[in-house]
Amino acid sequence: MPRTTSAIQHRLQQLETHLQAENPVLLQVVQRFRQLDQVAYRMGLLESSESYATQIPWWPLIAVLGTFSAGKSSFINQYVGVPLQRSGNQAVDDKYTVVCYSNSSEPRTLPGLALDSDPRFPFYKVSEKIEPIARGEGARIDAYLQLKTCPSEVLRGKILIDSPGFDADAQRTSTLKITEHIVNLSDLVLVFFDARHPEPGAMRDTLTHLVRNTIQRNDSEKFLYILNQIDTTAREDNPEEVVAAWQRALGECGLTAGRFYTIYNAAAANPIEDDILRARFEKRRDQDLGDIQDRMQQVEVERAYRIIGALEQTARSFSDTAVPALQDLLRRWRKRTLIADGIAFSSLLIAFIVFSWPDWQGLSYQAAWWQWLTATQHSSLLTGLGLVAGAFGLHLYLRQLAAKSLQRYARQLEKRHQLKLANALHRNTRFWRNLWRQQPVGWGKKHQRQVSTVLEQTDRFVQELNDRFTDPSGRSVSESAATSN
């Protein structure tokens, strides 16, 4: 077994061991991903060192993004009950910090390599994505990431990511790429803004980058927009206008979905002398903090459903996306090959007639044909075989040329569909493949049934999760099972 294949199988075994005790349903999901991997390997849609199971984070993920000094780190410290993150009015950390549970009594800080090499975390192999964007930066993954652990019970079963303060003008391309990666993988995204900067219009570029395209996302409900340190507006003549100004700014940037909250850290808050005003601020703060923490508590359940959804989406991508795209590429390849064959062999025939024309001048059609046939009969067998071999070799060369001419188009489709179509096209256009084959390599009836079976099982997995988290009948699961028997 190749080293890369052995490595990916070892990682999947580690994942299965982790899930065996924590969530047996998701353990079965990993095994179904393995089945889809086998189909993808045969089709050329995955390298042997890859797995669909490692392309998604298996632990619930909460991302904390926001502007500089917006109180992200203070919020995390308050949530976990440990002064884990440095906080202050200035930017104090320029790394993405992944925070997760550990039963060790002391918090620990580990390098970015711990994240880049573990498929259970959302930054698995992120160095490979950074390197093409910023050459040399992929090897400096420790400059971008760090892992912190602490024994806080609220972290059990979930991961928090604290991001460096965001400034779209100053942000490096590689950092923006990581931010986009985090947002796409997260189950919940908390976006923090600082109420002490009452003119959100001056931060329009940053706001636009953090909230743009929200309306187009099918997971827009996972975004929570938080105006932090709202206690600083208590001295304003109309503190509600500050909130309204931020809401208008977000709306102008395209925000039409997600919740908007106003909170502050009670331990670091400015004193509010007016008792009625203080009570009003505290009531709104406690209500919004409660709602935020409730959503954070639910991500473990949401992640289980999301993983099953990812399994279903991956299975459907074969028949809905990969196979039609490959069939289109193969039709284009066949058409280009036939056109090239027609042009090449017609040119050779015309050249043969032109060069033979002086010998045939003055002869009738029948005589010219008889002269050519007689000359052919006197040719050696080796010459004839050489002509046939040359013609076949020319055809094979034109086949490969036609396939190479489609590689650029295949890579464009790859970016659109997130599939290795260029590699699959190469596998389908090798010299022994039938030019007229309609189905892509590896997509036979056996593999179609295999993918269909995985699709059918996703419904069963959802039902098993429902049995764990819901009980519409009001009876326990064991009672329901006894009744059905």
Protein backbone atom coordinates (compact mmCIF):
# COMPACT_ATOMS: atom_id res chain seq x y z
CA MET A 1 0.00 0.00 0.00
CA PRO A 2 1.47 3.42 -0.91
CA ARG A 3 2.58 5.55 2.03
CA THR A 4 0.04 8.29 1.27
CA THR A 5 -2.78 5.75 1.10
CA SER A 6 -1.68 4.21 4.40
CA ALA A 7 -1.54 7.66 6.01
CA ILE A 8 -5.09 8.61 5.04
CA GLN A 9 -6.41 5.24 6.20
CA HIS A 10 -4.65 5.70 9.54
CA ARG A 11 -6.28 9.12 9.98
CA LEU A 12 -9.70 7.70 9.19
CA GLN A 13 -9.16 4.93 11.74
CA GLN A 14 -8.29 7.55 14.35
CA LEU A 15 -11.50 9.42 13.49
CA GLU A 16 -13.55 6.23 13.78
CA THR A 17 -12.01 5.46 17.17
CA HIS A 18 -12.94 8.95 18.38
CA LEU A 19 -16.53 8.66 17.13
CA GLN A 20 -17.11 5.12 18.36
CA ALA A 21 -17.77 6.31 21.89
CA GLU A 22 -18.97 9.84 21.16
CA ASN A 23 -21.48 9.33 18.34
CA PRO A 24 -22.05 5.84 16.83
CA VAL A 25 -24.28 7.30 14.12
CA LEU A 26 -21.44 9.44 12.80
CA LEU A 27 -19.16 6.40 12.95
CA GLN A 28 -21.40 4.80 10.34
CA VAL A 29 -21.24 8.01 8.31
CA VAL A 30 -17.43 7.75 8.15
CA GLN A 31 -17.78 4.22 6.80
CA ARG A 32 -20.20 5.44 4.12
CA PHE A 33 -17.70 8.14 3.17
CA ARG A 34 -15.15 5.35 2.72
CA GLN A 35 -17.49 3.68 0.21
CA LEU A 36 -17.84 6.90 -1.76
CA ASP A 37 -14.04 7.26 -1.67
CA GLN A 38 -13.67 3.90 -3.44
CA VAL A 39 -15.98 5.01 -6.26
CA ALA A 40 -14.17 8.34 -6.55
CA TYR A 41 -10.76 6.61 -6.69
CA ARG A 42 -11.87 4.48 -9.63
CA MET A 43 -13.32 7.50 -11.43
CA GLY A 44 -10.23 9.63 -10.79
CA LEU A 45 -12.16 12.20 -8.75
CA LEU A 46 -9.94 11.67 -5.69
CA GLU A 47 -6.26 10.96 -5.22
CA SER A 48 -5.39 7.87 -3.18
CA SER A 49 -4.08 10.18 -0.45
CA GLU A 50 -7.47 11.93 -0.08
CA SER A 51 -10.84 11.16 1.44
CA TYR A 52 -14.18 12.93 1.39
CA ALA A 53 -14.28 12.38 5.16
CA THR A 54 -11.29 14.68 5.70
CA GLN A 55 -12.83 17.56 3.75
CA ILE A 56 -15.23 18.48 6.56
CA PRO A 57 -14.60 19.19 10.27
CA TRP A 58 -16.04 16.48 12.51
CA TRP A 59 -16.25 18.57 15.63
CA PRO A 60 -18.82 21.38 15.91
CA LEU A 61 -17.17 24.64 14.92
CA ILE A 62 -17.92 28.17 16.18
CA ALA A 63 -16.01 31.00 14.52
CA VAL A 64 -15.51 34.33 16.28
CA LEU A 65 -14.70 37.07 13.78
CA GLY A 66 -14.73 40.82 14.02
CA THR A 67 -12.95 44.12 13.92
CA PHE A 68 -9.95 45.12 16.05
CA SER A 69 -10.68 45.64 19.77
CA ALA A 70 -14.28 44.47 19.38
CA GLY A 71 -14.06 42.27 22.48
CA LYS A 72 -13.79 38.85 20.80
CA SER A 73 -11.12 37.49 23.15
CA SER A 74 -12.87 38.88 26.24
CA PHE A 75 -16.08 37.17 25.15
CA ILE A 76 -14.26 33.84 24.77
CA ASN A 77 -12.57 34.21 28.17
CA GLN A 78 -15.92 34.93 29.77
CA TYR A 79 -17.57 31.99 27.98
CA VAL A 80 -14.95 29.37 28.95
CA GLY A 81 -14.40 30.84 32.43
CA VAL A 82 -10.61 30.89 31.95
CA PRO A 83 -8.37 33.87 31.00
CA LEU A 84 -7.23 31.94 27.94
CA GLN A 85 -6.91 34.76 25.41
CA ARG A 86 -5.06 38.03 25.75
CA SER A 87 -7.36 41.01 25.45
CA GLY A 88 -6.97 44.76 25.18
CA ASN A 89 -7.88 47.86 23.23
CA GLN A 90 -5.14 47.23 20.68
CA ALA A 91 -4.50 44.22 18.47
CA VAL A 92 -2.84 41.69 20.77
CA ASP A 93 -2.79 38.55 18.64
CA ASP A 94 -2.29 38.12 14.92
CA LYS A 95 -2.98 34.38 14.77
CA TYR A 96 -6.10 32.29 14.40
CA THR A 97 -6.51 30.49 17.71
CA VAL A 98 -8.39 27.20 17.86
CA VAL A 99 -9.75 26.57 21.35
CA CYS A 100 -10.88 23.09 22.39
CA TYR A 101 -11.42 20.97 25.50
CA SER A 102 -8.71 19.04 27.33
CA ASN A 103 -8.90 17.15 30.62
CA SER A 104 -5.51 18.56 31.57
CA SER A 105 -5.81 20.88 34.55
CA GLU A 106 -3.57 23.49 32.90
CA PRO A 107 -4.29 25.33 29.62
CA ARG A 108 -1.81 24.54 26.88
CA THR A 109 -0.74 26.26 23.66
CA LEU A 110 0.29 24.07 20.70
CA PRO A 111 1.73 25.12 17.31
CA GLY A 112 -0.20 25.40 14.06
CA LEU A 113 1.26 22.10 12.86
CA ALA A 114 -1.05 20.33 15.34
CA LEU A 115 -4.00 21.68 13.34
CA ASP A 116 -2.56 21.34 9.84
CA SER A 117 -1.90 17.61 10.32
CA ASP A 118 -5.09 16.46 12.10
CA PRO A 119 -8.15 15.73 9.89
CA ARG A 120 -10.54 16.26 12.81
CA PHE A 121 -9.78 19.98 12.83
CA PRO A 122 -11.01 22.52 10.24
CA PHE A 123 -7.44 23.53 9.26
CA TYR A 124 -6.34 20.12 8.02
CA LYS A 125 -3.84 20.66 5.16
CA VAL A 126 -4.69 24.38 5.02
CA SER A 127 -0.98 25.00 4.35
CA GLU A 128 -1.47 23.46 0.90
CA LYS A 129 -4.21 26.01 0.17
CA ILE A 130 -2.11 28.95 1.36
CA GLU A 131 1.03 28.06 -0.61
CA PRO A 132 -0.38 28.70 -4.15
CA ILE A 133 -1.72 32.08 -2.98
CA ALA A 134 1.39 33.28 -1.13
CA ARG A 135 4.52 31.33 -2.06
CA GLY A 136 6.54 30.27 0.97
CA GLU A 137 3.72 30.99 3.45
CA GLY A 138 2.47 27.40 3.54
CA ALA A 139 5.65 26.37 5.36
CA ARG A 140 5.04 29.13 7.93
CA ILE A 141 1.76 27.70 9.18
CA ASP A 142 2.77 28.35 12.80
CA ALA A 143 2.72 32.07 12.00
CA TYR A 144 -1.00 31.81 11.18
CA LEU A 145 -2.41 29.22 13.57
CA GLN A 146 -2.18 28.01 17.14
CA LEU A 147 -4.14 25.52 19.24
CA LYS A 148 -5.12 26.23 22.85
CA THR A 149 -6.71 23.73 25.22
CA CYS A 150 -8.37 24.14 28.60
CA PRO A 151 -10.57 22.01 30.91
CA SER A 152 -13.71 24.13 30.53
CA GLU A 153 -16.82 21.95 30.39
CA VAL A 154 -18.59 24.28 27.96
CA LEU A 155 -15.98 23.30 25.34
CA ARG A 156 -16.81 19.60 25.42
CA GLY A 157 -17.83 18.48 21.95
CA LYS A 158 -17.09 21.75 20.17
CA ILE A 159 -14.31 23.98 18.84
CA LEU A 160 -14.01 27.77 19.08
CA ILE A 161 -11.88 29.82 16.69
CA ASP A 162 -10.74 33.26 17.75
CA SER A 163 -9.60 35.28 14.75
CA PRO A 164 -7.16 38.20 14.67
CA GLY A 165 -8.73 41.64 14.42
CA PHE A 166 -10.11 42.20 10.96
CA ASP A 167 -9.16 45.06 8.66
CA ALA A 168 -9.90 44.42 4.98
CA ASP A 169 -7.41 47.08 3.81
CA ALA A 170 -4.46 45.65 5.74
CA GLN A 171 -5.30 41.97 5.59
CA ARG A 172 -2.99 39.69 3.64
CA THR A 173 -4.43 37.54 0.86
CA SER A 174 -3.45 34.36 2.69
CA THR A 175 -5.24 35.58 5.84
CA LEU A 176 -8.37 36.42 3.87
CA LYS A 177 -8.25 32.90 2.41
CA ILE A 178 -8.17 31.39 5.90
CA THR A 179 -11.10 33.60 6.96
CA GLU A 180 -13.15 32.44 3.99
CA HIS A 181 -12.23 28.83 4.78
CA ILE A 182 -13.38 29.25 8.39
CA VAL A 183 -16.69 30.87 7.45
CA ASN A 184 -17.54 28.11 4.98
CA LEU A 185 -16.87 25.31 7.47
CA SER A 186 -18.36 26.84 10.61
CA ASP A 187 -21.65 25.79 12.14
CA LEU A 188 -22.00 29.18 13.83
CA VAL A 189 -20.29 32.49 13.02
CA LEU A 190 -20.20 35.28 15.62
CA VAL A 191 -19.26 38.59 13.99
CA PHE A 192 -18.27 41.23 16.56
CA PHE A 193 -18.30 45.01 16.09
CA ASP A 194 -17.18 47.71 18.53
CA ALA A 195 -19.90 50.10 19.69
CA ARG A 196 -17.18 52.57 20.73
CA HIS A 197 -16.70 53.43 17.06
CA PRO A 198 -20.01 55.16 16.37
CA GLU A 199 -19.34 55.75 12.66
CA PRO A 200 -19.62 52.36 10.94
CA GLY A 201 -19.46 54.07 7.55
CA ALA A 202 -15.73 54.62 8.04
CA MET A 203 -15.27 50.84 8.19
CA ARG A 204 -17.28 50.09 5.09
CA ASP A 205 -14.62 47.91 3.41
CA THR A 206 -14.28 45.74 6.49
CA LEU A 207 -18.03 45.47 6.94
CA THR A 208 -18.49 44.55 3.29
CA HIS A 209 -15.95 41.74 3.46
CA LEU A 210 -17.41 40.28 6.65
CA VAL A 211 -21.06 40.29 5.58
CA ARG A 212 -21.14 40.37 1.76
CA ASN A 213 -22.95 37.60 -0.09
CA THR A 214 -24.78 36.62 3.09
CA ILE A 215 -28.05 36.88 1.22
CA GLN A 216 -26.83 34.30 -1.30
CA ARG A 217 -25.79 31.70 1.27
CA ASN A 218 -28.08 28.81 2.09
CA ASP A 219 -26.68 28.85 5.65
CA SER A 220 -27.16 32.55 6.36
CA GLU A 221 -28.95 31.75 9.63
CA LYS A 222 -25.63 30.70 11.17
CA PHE A 223 -24.39 34.33 11.27
CA LEU A 224 -24.91 36.27 14.50
CA TYR A 225 -23.92 39.96 14.37
CA ILE A 226 -22.92 41.31 17.76
CA LEU A 227 -22.45 44.97 18.67
CA ASN A 228 -20.21 44.63 21.72
CA GLN A 229 -19.37 47.11 24.51
CA ILE A 230 -22.79 48.72 24.07
CA ASP A 231 -22.48 50.10 27.63
CA THR A 232 -20.38 52.93 26.17
CA THR A 233 -23.49 54.34 24.49
CA ALA A 234 -25.34 54.80 27.78
CA ARG A 235 -24.13 58.40 27.98
CA GLU A 236 -25.47 59.22 24.54
CA ASP A 237 -28.63 61.29 24.29
CA ASN A 238 -30.15 58.55 22.15
CA PRO A 239 -28.25 55.23 22.54
CA GLU A 240 -30.77 53.44 20.32
CA GLU A 241 -29.57 55.57 17.40
CA VAL A 242 -26.09 54.03 17.69
CA VAL A 243 -27.58 50.58 17.26
CA ALA A 244 -29.75 51.78 14.40
CA ALA A 245 -26.70 53.28 12.64
CA TRP A 246 -24.89 49.93 12.76
CA GLN A 247 -27.93 48.07 11.51
CA ARG A 248 -28.26 50.48 8.59
CA ALA A 249 -24.55 50.08 7.78
CA LEU A 250 -24.87 46.31 7.74
CA GLY A 251 -27.97 46.54 5.57
CA GLU A 252 -26.14 48.75 3.07
CA CYS A 253 -23.40 46.10 2.90
CA GLY A 254 -25.94 43.48 1.87
CA LEU A 255 -26.88 41.96 5.21
CA THR A 256 -30.45 40.75 5.01
CA ALA A 257 -30.22 37.63 7.20
CA GLY A 258 -28.81 36.66 10.57
CA ARG A 259 -29.53 38.00 14.05
CA PHE A 260 -28.27 41.29 15.51
CA TYR A 261 -27.35 41.44 19.21
CA THR A 262 -26.10 44.09 21.64
CA ILE A 263 -23.99 42.99 24.63
CA TYR A 264 -21.18 44.12 26.94
CA ASN A 265 -18.83 42.59 29.51
CA ALA A 266 -20.23 43.38 32.94
CA ALA A 267 -16.82 43.07 34.61
CA ALA A 268 -15.27 45.71 32.36
CA ALA A 269 -18.32 47.91 31.82
CA ASN A 270 -18.51 51.64 32.36
CA PRO A 271 -20.71 52.50 35.37
CA ILE A 272 -24.24 53.54 34.45
CA GLU A 273 -25.49 55.95 37.10
CA ASP A 274 -29.14 56.01 36.06
CA ASP A 275 -30.81 53.00 37.72
CA ILE A 276 -33.60 52.73 35.16
CA LEU A 277 -31.20 53.01 32.23
CA ARG A 278 -28.81 50.49 33.82
CA ALA A 279 -31.64 48.01 34.36
CA ARG A 280 -32.71 48.42 30.73
CA PHE A 281 -29.17 47.81 29.47
CA GLU A 282 -28.66 44.82 31.75
CA LYS A 283 -31.95 43.22 30.70
CA ARG A 284 -31.13 43.53 27.01
CA ARG A 285 -27.56 42.30 27.61
CA ASP A 286 -28.63 39.24 29.59
CA GLN A 287 -31.32 38.35 27.06
CA ASP A 288 -28.97 38.62 24.10
CA LEU A 289 -26.11 36.80 25.86
CA GLY A 290 -28.52 34.01 26.77
CA ASP A 291 -29.67 33.68 23.16
CA ILE A 292 -26.07 33.63 21.88
CA GLN A 293 -25.00 30.97 24.39
CA ASP A 294 -28.07 28.86 23.59
CA ARG A 295 -27.07 28.87 19.92
CA MET A 296 -23.52 27.94 20.86
CA GLN A 297 -24.82 25.04 22.92
CA GLN A 298 -26.84 23.72 19.96
CA VAL A 299 -23.96 23.44 17.51
CA GLU A 300 -23.16 19.87 18.53
CA VAL A 301 -26.61 18.75 17.42
CA GLU A 302 -26.47 20.90 14.29
CA ARG A 303 -23.05 19.54 13.32
CA ALA A 304 -24.30 15.92 13.37
CA TYR A 305 -27.07 16.81 10.92
CA ARG A 306 -24.67 18.88 8.80
CA ILE A 307 -22.26 15.95 8.45
CA ILE A 308 -25.05 13.68 7.28
CA GLY A 309 -26.11 16.44 4.90
CA ALA A 310 -22.53 16.59 3.59
CA LEU A 311 -22.60 12.82 3.03
CA GLU A 312 -25.85 13.12 1.08
CA GLN A 313 -24.52 16.06 -0.95
CA THR A 314 -21.32 14.15 -1.77
CA ALA A 315 -23.28 11.08 -2.87
CA ARG A 316 -25.59 13.18 -5.05
CA SER A 317 -22.63 14.99 -6.61
CA PHE A 318 -21.70 11.84 -8.53
CA SER A 319 -24.89 11.62 -10.61
CA ASP A 320 -25.85 15.31 -10.43
CA THR A 321 -22.48 16.93 -11.16
CA ALA A 322 -19.46 14.68 -11.72
CA VAL A 323 -20.91 12.24 -14.25
CA PRO A 324 -22.69 14.88 -16.42
CA ALA A 325 -19.55 17.04 -16.40
CA LEU A 326 -17.37 14.10 -17.40
CA GLN A 327 -19.80 13.02 -20.11
CA ASP A 328 -19.71 16.53 -21.53
CA LEU A 329 -15.90 16.50 -21.49
CA LEU A 330 -15.84 13.11 -23.19
CA ARG A 331 -18.23 14.31 -25.91
CA ARG A 332 -16.01 17.30 -26.54
CA TRP A 333 -12.93 15.05 -26.58
CA ARG A 334 -14.53 12.64 -29.05
CA LYS A 335 -15.64 15.49 -31.31
CA ARG A 336 -12.21 17.12 -31.30
CA THR A 337 -10.51 13.79 -31.97
CA LEU A 338 -12.75 13.02 -34.93
CA ILE A 339 -12.27 16.50 -36.39
CA ALA A 340 -8.50 16.18 -35.98
CA ASP A 341 -8.55 12.71 -37.57
CA GLY A 342 -10.59 14.02 -40.50
CA ILE A 343 -8.26 16.96 -41.09
CA ALA A 344 -5.06 14.91 -40.73
CA PHE A 345 -6.04 11.93 -42.90
CA SER A 346 -7.72 14.11 -45.52
CA SER A 347 -4.53 16.15 -45.73
CA LEU A 348 -2.46 12.98 -46.16
CA LEU A 349 -4.79 11.70 -48.86
CA ILE A 350 -4.67 15.00 -50.72
CA ALA A 351 -0.89 15.04 -50.45
CA PHE A 352 -0.70 11.47 -51.80
CA ILE A 353 -2.91 12.35 -54.76
CA VAL A 354 -0.93 15.50 -55.51
CA PHE A 355 2.42 13.75 -55.50
CA SER A 356 1.06 10.78 -57.50
CA TRP A 357 -0.78 12.93 -60.04
CA PRO A 358 2.11 13.11 -62.56
CA ASP A 359 2.18 9.28 -62.80
CA TRP A 360 -1.58 9.14 -63.39
CA GLN A 361 -1.92 11.88 -65.96
CA GLY A 362 -3.50 10.69 -69.20
CA LEU A 363 -4.87 7.53 -67.62
CA SER A 364 -8.53 6.80 -67.19
CA TYR A 365 -10.01 6.36 -63.74
CA GLN A 366 -10.02 2.54 -64.13
CA ALA A 367 -6.43 2.52 -65.36
CA ALA A 368 -5.21 4.78 -62.53
CA TRP A 369 -6.94 2.57 -60.00
CA TRP A 370 -5.41 -0.57 -61.55
CA GLN A 371 -1.94 1.02 -61.57
CA TRP A 372 -2.20 1.93 -57.87
CA LEU A 373 -3.49 -1.55 -56.99
CA THR A 374 -0.70 -3.24 -58.93
CA ALA A 375 1.91 -1.08 -57.20
CA THR A 376 0.43 -1.93 -53.83
CA GLN A 377 0.58 -5.65 -54.58
CA HIS A 378 4.30 -5.36 -55.23
CA SER A 379 4.85 -3.48 -51.92
CA SER A 380 6.21 -5.47 -49.06
CA LEU A 381 4.02 -6.59 -46.16
CA LEU A 382 6.21 -4.66 -43.77
CA THR A 383 5.54 -1.44 -45.66
CA GLY A 384 1.81 -2.04 -45.40
CA LEU A 385 2.00 -2.79 -41.71
CA GLY A 386 4.13 0.30 -41.25
CA LEU A 387 1.48 2.44 -42.89
CA VAL A 388 -1.23 0.96 -40.69
CA ALA A 389 0.88 1.41 -37.56
CA GLY A 390 1.71 4.95 -38.56
CA ALA A 391 -1.95 5.78 -39.12
CA PHE A 392 -2.89 4.26 -35.75
CA GLY A 393 -0.05 6.10 -34.02
CA LEU A 394 -1.18 9.36 -35.58
CA HIS A 395 -4.72 8.69 -34.33
CA LEU A 396 -3.45 8.05 -30.78
CA TYR A 397 -1.39 11.22 -30.88
CA LEU A 398 -4.40 13.24 -32.00
CA ARG A 399 -6.51 11.66 -29.24
CA GLN A 400 -4.04 12.80 -26.60
CA LEU A 401 -3.71 16.21 -28.20
CA ALA A 402 -7.49 16.62 -28.08
CA ALA A 403 -7.53 15.56 -24.41
CA LYS A 404 -4.79 18.03 -23.49
CA SER A 405 -6.66 20.82 -25.26
CA LEU A 406 -9.56 20.21 -22.82
CA GLN A 407 -7.48 20.33 -19.63
CA ARG A 408 -7.86 24.09 -19.20
CA TYR A 409 -11.62 23.86 -19.59
CA ALA A 410 -11.68 20.92 -17.14
CA ARG A 411 -9.80 22.98 -14.54
CA GLN A 412 -12.32 25.78 -14.93
CA LEU A 413 -15.06 23.25 -14.17
CA GLU A 414 -13.04 22.05 -11.18
CA LYS A 415 -13.20 25.50 -9.59
CA ARG A 416 -16.93 25.66 -10.21
CA HIS A 417 -17.81 22.16 -8.97
CA GLN A 418 -14.91 21.43 -6.56
CA LEU A 419 -14.17 18.14 -8.35
CA LYS A 420 -10.92 16.77 -9.82
CA LEU A 421 -12.31 16.63 -13.33
CA ALA A 422 -8.95 17.17 -15.05
CA ASN A 423 -7.57 14.05 -13.40
CA ALA A 424 -10.75 12.09 -14.22
CA LEU A 425 -10.56 13.24 -17.86
CA HIS A 426 -6.98 11.97 -18.08
CA ARG A 427 -8.09 8.58 -16.75
CA ASN A 428 -10.88 8.38 -19.33
CA THR A 429 -8.69 9.32 -22.32
CA ARG A 430 -5.82 6.87 -21.95
CA PHE A 431 -4.83 5.18 -25.22
CA TRP A 432 -6.66 1.91 -24.48
CA ARG A 433 -9.99 3.58 -23.66
CA ASN A 434 -12.82 3.25 -26.15
CA LEU A 435 -13.39 6.53 -27.98
CA TRP A 436 -17.14 5.84 -28.15
CA ARG A 437 -17.62 4.93 -24.50
CA GLN A 438 -20.54 6.91 -23.02
CA GLN A 439 -20.13 6.18 -19.31
CA PRO A 440 -17.07 7.52 -17.46
CA VAL A 441 -14.55 5.01 -16.17
CA GLY A 442 -15.51 3.65 -12.76
CA TRP A 443 -19.20 4.51 -13.08
CA GLY A 444 -20.59 1.06 -13.78
CA LYS A 445 -23.80 -0.44 -12.45
CA LYS A 446 -22.03 -1.79 -9.37
CA HIS A 447 -20.76 1.63 -8.37
CA GLN A 448 -24.06 3.32 -9.17
CA ARG A 449 -25.80 0.88 -6.80
CA GLN A 450 -23.16 1.58 -4.18
CA VAL A 451 -23.79 5.34 -4.30
CA SER A 452 -27.58 4.80 -4.33
CA THR A 453 -27.30 2.64 -1.21
CA VAL A 454 -25.38 5.39 0.59
CA LEU A 455 -28.11 7.88 -0.37
CA GLU A 456 -30.81 5.61 1.02
CA GLN A 457 -28.88 5.19 4.26
CA THR A 458 -28.66 8.94 4.88
CA ASP A 459 -32.40 8.97 5.65
CA ARG A 460 -31.88 6.21 8.20
CA PHE A 461 -29.03 8.15 9.81
CA VAL A 462 -31.25 11.23 10.16
CA GLN A 463 -33.96 9.09 11.77
CA GLU A 464 -31.44 7.69 14.25
CA LEU A 465 -30.39 11.23 15.18
CA ASN A 466 -34.05 12.17 15.58
CA ASP A 467 -34.44 9.25 17.99
CA ARG A 468 -31.59 10.68 20.08
CA PHE A 469 -32.76 14.29 20.13
CA THR A 470 -36.55 14.17 19.74
CA ASP A 471 -39.48 12.21 21.11
CA PRO A 472 -42.75 13.37 19.50
CA SER A 473 -44.75 10.57 21.15
CA GLY A 474 -43.70 11.60 24.65
CA ARG A 475 -42.34 8.13 25.30
CA SER A 476 -38.75 7.06 25.64
CA VAL A 477 -37.03 5.37 22.73
CA SER A 478 -36.97 2.05 24.59
CA GLU A 479 -40.71 2.26 25.24
CA SER A 480 -41.37 2.98 21.56
CA ALA A 481 -39.22 0.02 20.54
CA ALA A 482 -41.05 -2.31 22.96
CA THR A 483 -44.41 -1.21 21.60
CA SER A 484 -43.34 -1.81 18.00
CA ASN A 485 -42.22 -5.33 18.92
